Amino acid sequence: MTTIKISTDLRDRLAEVAAEYGGATLADTLQHLIDEHEEQAALAAYDRLRADSAEWASYLEESRLADNAAGDWLRGEESR
């Protein structure tokens, strides 16, 4: 555990958000906000990828191949 220095105004704003999360701790609230930020960044990256139809098709094909490879052991069990 460590401490960080933030302005009183920022601490108060974070506390207001924490209250909206049912009285979560400031640390939990900050973690939630960071998680939301990272999720939005990932979704934006998918949107950029989807905007290029060739790249999106390549991604989908690669995903399909990875899914098939990951499930190979299942097919092996069925044939025994």
N, C-alpha and C. Protein backbone atom coordinates (compact mmCIF):
# COMPACT_ATOMS: atom_id res chain seq x y z
N MET A 1 0.86 -1.17 0.00
CA MET A 1 0.00 0.00 0.00
C MET A 1 0.90 1.22 0.00
N THR A 2 0.43 2.26 -0.67
CA THR A 2 1.18 3.52 -0.72
C THR A 2 0.19 4.67 -0.67
N THR A 3 0.71 5.86 -0.59
CA THR A 3 -0.14 7.05 -0.62
C THR A 3 0.17 7.84 -1.87
N ILE A 4 -0.80 8.63 -2.29
CA ILE A 4 -0.59 9.54 -3.41
C ILE A 4 -1.05 10.92 -2.98
N LYS A 5 -0.47 11.93 -3.59
CA LYS A 5 -0.88 13.30 -3.29
C LYS A 5 -1.80 13.78 -4.41
N ILE A 6 -3.00 14.15 -4.01
CA ILE A 6 -3.96 14.73 -4.95
C ILE A 6 -4.56 15.96 -4.28
N SER A 7 -5.09 16.83 -5.10
CA SER A 7 -5.69 18.04 -4.54
C SER A 7 -6.94 17.68 -3.74
N THR A 8 -7.29 18.55 -2.84
CA THR A 8 -8.51 18.36 -2.05
C THR A 8 -9.73 18.30 -2.96
N ASP A 9 -9.75 19.16 -3.98
CA ASP A 9 -10.87 19.16 -4.91
C ASP A 9 -11.01 17.82 -5.62
N LEU A 10 -9.89 17.26 -6.06
CA LEU A 10 -9.93 15.97 -6.74
C LEU A 10 -10.38 14.87 -5.78
N ARG A 11 -9.87 14.90 -4.56
CA ARG A 11 -10.30 13.92 -3.55
C ARG A 11 -11.80 14.00 -3.32
N ASP A 12 -12.32 15.23 -3.25
CA ASP A 12 -13.75 15.41 -3.03
C ASP A 12 -14.57 14.91 -4.21
N ARG A 13 -14.07 15.15 -5.41
CA ARG A 13 -14.77 14.65 -6.61
C ARG A 13 -14.77 13.12 -6.62
N LEU A 14 -13.64 12.53 -6.26
CA LEU A 14 -13.55 11.07 -6.20
C LEU A 14 -14.50 10.52 -5.14
N ALA A 15 -14.62 11.21 -4.02
CA ALA A 15 -15.54 10.80 -2.96
C ALA A 15 -16.99 10.86 -3.44
N GLU A 16 -17.32 11.85 -4.26
CA GLU A 16 -18.67 11.94 -4.82
C GLU A 16 -18.97 10.74 -5.72
N VAL A 17 -17.99 10.37 -6.53
CA VAL A 17 -18.17 9.20 -7.39
C VAL A 17 -18.29 7.95 -6.52
N ALA A 18 -17.47 7.85 -5.48
CA ALA A 18 -17.54 6.70 -4.57
C ALA A 18 -18.93 6.58 -3.96
N ALA A 19 -19.52 7.70 -3.61
CA ALA A 19 -20.87 7.68 -3.04
C ALA A 19 -21.87 7.13 -4.05
N GLU A 20 -21.67 7.45 -5.34
CA GLU A 20 -22.55 6.92 -6.39
C GLU A 20 -22.38 5.41 -6.54
N TYR A 21 -21.22 4.90 -6.16
CA TYR A 21 -20.96 3.46 -6.20
C TYR A 21 -21.35 2.80 -4.88
N GLY A 22 -22.26 3.41 -4.16
CA GLY A 22 -22.74 2.81 -2.93
C GLY A 22 -21.80 2.95 -1.75
N GLY A 23 -20.99 3.99 -1.76
CA GLY A 23 -20.08 4.22 -0.64
C GLY A 23 -18.81 3.39 -0.72
N ALA A 24 -18.40 3.07 -1.94
CA ALA A 24 -17.15 2.32 -2.13
C ALA A 24 -15.98 3.13 -1.59
N THR A 25 -14.90 2.46 -1.28
CA THR A 25 -13.70 3.18 -0.86
C THR A 25 -13.17 3.98 -2.04
N LEU A 26 -12.34 4.97 -1.74
CA LEU A 26 -11.74 5.76 -2.82
C LEU A 26 -10.85 4.88 -3.69
N ALA A 27 -10.14 3.95 -3.07
CA ALA A 27 -9.27 3.04 -3.83
C ALA A 27 -10.09 2.16 -4.77
N ASP A 28 -11.20 1.60 -4.27
CA ASP A 28 -12.06 0.77 -5.12
C ASP A 28 -12.68 1.60 -6.24
N THR A 29 -13.04 2.83 -5.92
CA THR A 29 -13.62 3.71 -6.93
C THR A 29 -12.60 4.02 -8.01
N LEU A 30 -11.40 4.33 -7.61
CA LEU A 30 -10.34 4.61 -8.58
C LEU A 30 -10.07 3.38 -9.44
N GLN A 31 -10.04 2.20 -8.82
CA GLN A 31 -9.84 0.96 -9.58
C GLN A 31 -10.96 0.77 -10.60
N HIS A 32 -12.19 1.03 -10.19
CA HIS A 32 -13.34 0.91 -11.09
C HIS A 32 -13.21 1.88 -12.26
N LEU A 33 -12.82 3.10 -11.99
CA LEU A 33 -12.67 4.10 -13.05
C LEU A 33 -11.56 3.71 -14.02
N ILE A 34 -10.46 3.18 -13.50
CA ILE A 34 -9.37 2.73 -14.37
C ILE A 34 -9.83 1.54 -15.21
N ASP A 35 -10.55 0.60 -14.60
CA ASP A 35 -11.07 -0.55 -15.35
C ASP A 35 -11.98 -0.09 -16.48
N GLU A 36 -12.87 0.87 -16.18
CA GLU A 36 -13.76 1.41 -17.21
C GLU A 36 -12.96 2.06 -18.34
N HIS A 37 -11.94 2.81 -17.98
CA HIS A 37 -11.09 3.48 -18.97
C HIS A 37 -10.41 2.45 -19.87
N GLU A 38 -9.85 1.40 -19.27
CA GLU A 38 -9.18 0.37 -20.06
C GLU A 38 -10.15 -0.37 -20.97
N GLU A 39 -11.36 -0.63 -20.48
CA GLU A 39 -12.38 -1.29 -21.30
C GLU A 39 -12.75 -0.41 -22.49
N GLN A 40 -12.94 0.89 -22.25
CA GLN A 40 -13.27 1.80 -23.33
C GLN A 40 -12.15 1.90 -24.35
N ALA A 41 -10.91 1.86 -23.89
CA ALA A 41 -9.76 1.89 -24.80
C ALA A 41 -9.73 0.64 -25.67
N ALA A 42 -10.02 -0.51 -25.08
CA ALA A 42 -10.06 -1.75 -25.86
C ALA A 42 -11.19 -1.72 -26.88
N LEU A 43 -12.35 -1.24 -26.48
CA LEU A 43 -13.48 -1.16 -27.41
C LEU A 43 -13.17 -0.19 -28.55
N ALA A 44 -12.50 0.91 -28.24
CA ALA A 44 -12.11 1.87 -29.28
C ALA A 44 -11.12 1.24 -30.25
N ALA A 45 -10.22 0.41 -29.74
CA ALA A 45 -9.26 -0.28 -30.61
C ALA A 45 -9.99 -1.23 -31.54
N TYR A 46 -10.99 -1.95 -31.03
CA TYR A 46 -11.79 -2.82 -31.90
C TYR A 46 -12.54 -2.01 -32.94
N ASP A 47 -13.05 -0.85 -32.56
CA ASP A 47 -13.75 0.01 -33.53
C ASP A 47 -12.81 0.45 -34.64
N ARG A 48 -11.57 0.82 -34.28
CA ARG A 48 -10.60 1.21 -35.30
C ARG A 48 -10.28 0.04 -36.21
N LEU A 49 -10.13 -1.14 -35.65
CA LEU A 49 -9.85 -2.33 -36.44
C LEU A 49 -11.02 -2.65 -37.36
N ARG A 50 -12.23 -2.55 -36.83
CA ARG A 50 -13.44 -2.84 -37.59
C ARG A 50 -13.62 -1.86 -38.75
N ALA A 51 -13.09 -0.66 -38.62
CA ALA A 51 -13.22 0.36 -39.67
C ALA A 51 -12.46 -0.02 -40.94
N ASP A 52 -11.47 -0.88 -40.82
CA ASP A 52 -10.71 -1.37 -41.98
C ASP A 52 -11.19 -2.78 -42.27
N SER A 53 -12.01 -2.93 -43.31
CA SER A 53 -12.67 -4.21 -43.55
C SER A 53 -11.67 -5.35 -43.79
N ALA A 54 -10.56 -5.07 -44.46
CA ALA A 54 -9.56 -6.12 -44.70
C ALA A 54 -8.91 -6.56 -43.39
N GLU A 55 -8.55 -5.59 -42.56
CA GLU A 55 -7.93 -5.92 -41.27
C GLU A 55 -8.92 -6.64 -40.35
N TRP A 56 -10.18 -6.22 -40.39
CA TRP A 56 -11.19 -6.86 -39.55
C TRP A 56 -11.40 -8.31 -39.99
N ALA A 57 -11.46 -8.54 -41.31
CA ALA A 57 -11.61 -9.91 -41.82
C ALA A 57 -10.41 -10.76 -41.41
N SER A 58 -9.22 -10.19 -41.48
CA SER A 58 -8.01 -10.91 -41.07
C SER A 58 -8.07 -11.25 -39.59
N TYR A 59 -8.51 -10.30 -38.78
CA TYR A 59 -8.64 -10.54 -37.34
C TYR A 59 -9.63 -11.66 -37.05
N LEU A 60 -10.77 -11.62 -37.73
CA LEU A 60 -11.79 -12.65 -37.51
C LEU A 60 -11.28 -14.03 -37.91
N GLU A 61 -10.56 -14.09 -39.02
CA GLU A 61 -10.01 -15.37 -39.47
C GLU A 61 -8.97 -15.88 -38.46
N GLU A 62 -8.11 -15.00 -38.00
CA GLU A 62 -7.11 -15.40 -37.02
C GLU A 62 -7.78 -15.86 -35.72
N SER A 63 -8.84 -15.18 -35.32
CA SER A 63 -9.57 -15.58 -34.12
C SER A 63 -10.20 -16.95 -34.30
N ARG A 64 -10.76 -17.19 -35.48
CA ARG A 64 -11.37 -18.49 -35.77
C ARG A 64 -10.33 -19.59 -35.69
N LEU A 65 -9.15 -19.34 -36.27
CA LEU A 65 -8.09 -20.34 -36.24
C LEU A 65 -7.62 -20.61 -34.81
N ALA A 66 -7.50 -19.55 -34.02
CA ALA A 66 -7.09 -19.73 -32.62
C ALA A 66 -8.14 -20.50 -31.84
N ASP A 67 -9.42 -20.19 -32.07
CA ASP A 67 -10.49 -20.92 -31.40
C ASP A 67 -10.47 -22.39 -31.78
N ASN A 68 -10.25 -22.66 -33.06
CA ASN A 68 -10.19 -24.05 -33.50
C ASN A 68 -9.02 -24.77 -32.86
N ALA A 69 -7.86 -24.12 -32.84
CA ALA A 69 -6.68 -24.74 -32.24
C ALA A 69 -6.88 -24.99 -30.75
N ALA A 70 -7.50 -24.04 -30.08
CA ALA A 70 -7.73 -24.18 -28.64
C ALA A 70 -8.68 -25.33 -28.35
N GLY A 71 -9.57 -25.63 -29.27
CA GLY A 71 -10.54 -26.71 -29.07
C GLY A 71 -10.08 -28.05 -29.62
N ASP A 72 -8.89 -28.12 -30.19
CA ASP A 72 -8.42 -29.38 -30.77
C ASP A 72 -8.42 -30.52 -29.77
N TRP A 73 -8.05 -30.24 -28.55
CA TRP A 73 -7.99 -31.31 -27.55
C TRP A 73 -9.38 -31.89 -27.30
N LEU A 74 -10.43 -31.07 -27.47
CA LEU A 74 -11.79 -31.58 -27.29
C LEU A 74 -12.13 -32.60 -28.36
N ARG A 75 -11.78 -32.28 -29.59
CA ARG A 75 -12.07 -33.21 -30.68
C ARG A 75 -11.27 -34.50 -30.49
N GLY A 76 -10.08 -34.39 -29.94
CA GLY A 76 -9.27 -35.58 -29.68
C GLY A 76 -9.92 -36.50 -28.66
N GLU A 77 -10.56 -35.93 -27.67
CA GLU A 77 -11.24 -36.72 -26.65
C GLU A 77 -12.45 -37.44 -27.23
N GLU A 78 -13.15 -36.79 -28.15
CA GLU A 78 -14.35 -37.39 -28.74
C GLU A 78 -14.01 -38.62 -29.57
N SER A 79 -12.84 -38.62 -30.18
CA SER A 79 -12.51 -39.72 -31.08
C SER A 79 -11.94 -40.93 -30.34
N ARG A 80 -11.74 -40.83 -29.05
CA ARG A 80 -11.17 -41.96 -28.29
C ARG A 80 -12.22 -42.91 -27.82
